[in-house]
Amino acid sequence: MGAAMRRIHVGNALSAFGLGFTVPYLYVYVAQVRGLGAMTAGLVLAVFAVAALIVLPFAGRAIVRRGPLPVLLAALVTAAVGALSLGLASNATAVLLSAAALGAGQAVMQPALATMIVDCSSAQTRSRAFATQFFLQNLGLGVGGLIGGHLVDATRVSSFTLLFAIEAAMFLLLVVVMATVRMPRSPRIEEAPAAAASAKGGWKQLLGNRAMVQLCVLGFVLFFACYGQFESGLSAYGVEAAGISTSALGTALAANTAMIVVAQFLVLRFVERRRRSRMIALVGLIWAVAWLTAGYAGLGHGSQEMATAAFVSTYALFGLGEAMLSPTVAPLVADLAPRGMAGQYNSAFALVKQLALAVGPAVGGPMGASLHAPYIVTFLLFSLGITVLAVRLGRQLTEAQDQPWRARSRVVTRGGAQEPVPAEA
């Protein structure tokens, strides 16, 4: 791991640590502490999604033209201003504007950091680099949320202002850390294709890549059926159908994070030596088991202890699947990107993720709260759909894209040096 990659990973951990301070308490802060009501709090959460959907189509073009580092620094400053303003805002207009700035900055960080990882890694090290990123993000979120929970006091506005100030400080500290990164001179940016000269041309080229389009469809289903349900439909289902207490719900979320932290590097070697498409298909089957376990928790008519254990196990199984996806999906997006287009592809995939995270709670929340059996059956089918889509995607991938370790093994056998070049899809 070079100096640049170490700083990038520190940046991922710091940004997640800062987000962990505020994300769990945002609704309480707006609705109760500031006294702006549930409607305004709901709008704030919607503004986060809308801001991301607006800026991400332009973020890819900016990364291709300017490079990921300047775009990341601009996003960090924007997010810091939004976080500090949100901690000081006392009326609905100020809260919504601050949330828009914070949401836009956070959204652009993701593809910028992902592109920096791509540019600082090779085909041999990319899976491990993205696995490390995911590990540090979850660890940072968990530690930040834990510390934030001890600092916050719902009776004192100043305690929430402190949380948002810490979040802003983390973003500004990250500006200082990332400003020292020396990015490699990458042909991805300097030799960008002419189609990348305009946003329209870049998106047209991306949509002409069948493998990337299929991966985006698969990504939407992945995020819709898992991440989009964690704090909405699945939580509502646990409380309403399984009778899960709020403390048990917190335990389930902790089990998810703990599984990722513990399993990430244990499964990495297994995942690295298998076809990427097959690993994604296996995740679909694991998540199908998770939904069956959730079905037992709410519909199995067992004891409350058994229901709680099954519900916590559901979140843990989701965490295992996430640990398998982190070294698989993000490197695949990078390997599908032609020269100079990594930023565009990362932004497109981040846009798909945001769409899924916006639609998932809207669909799953009401179903999980009232239509218990249909909710489980629907998302069980979505999980099985992940397996089907992954197998179909595998037919569109080249051997280097689906099995990069095989290409590496052949190069080592020949005694040659491999120059990592993204395959054209």
Foldseek 3Di string as FASTA:
>chain_A
DDPLLVLLLVLLLLLLLLCLLPVVCQQLCCCPLLVPHNVLSVLLVVLLLVLLLVCLLVLLLCCLAPNLLVQLLVLLLQLLQLLLQCLVDNDSVSNSVSSSSNSNSVNSNQLSSLVLLLQVDFLVCSLVSLLSSVLSSLVSSVVSNVVSVVQDDSNDSVSSSVSSNSSSVSSVVSSVSSVPRDGDPAQLRVVPDPLSVDSVSLVVLQVVQVLLVLLLVLLLLLLLLAVLCLPAQLVLLCCAQLVDDPVLSVLLLVLLSVLSNVCLVVCSVVLLQAFLLQLQLVLLVLLLVLLVLQCCSRPVPDDSVSSSVSSSVSSNSNSNSVSSCSSRSSVLLQLQAARSRSSSSSSSSSSSSSVSNVVNNVVSRVCSNPVPVVSSVVSSVSSNVSNVSSVVSVVSDDCCSGNVVVVVVVCVVVVHDDDRGRDHD
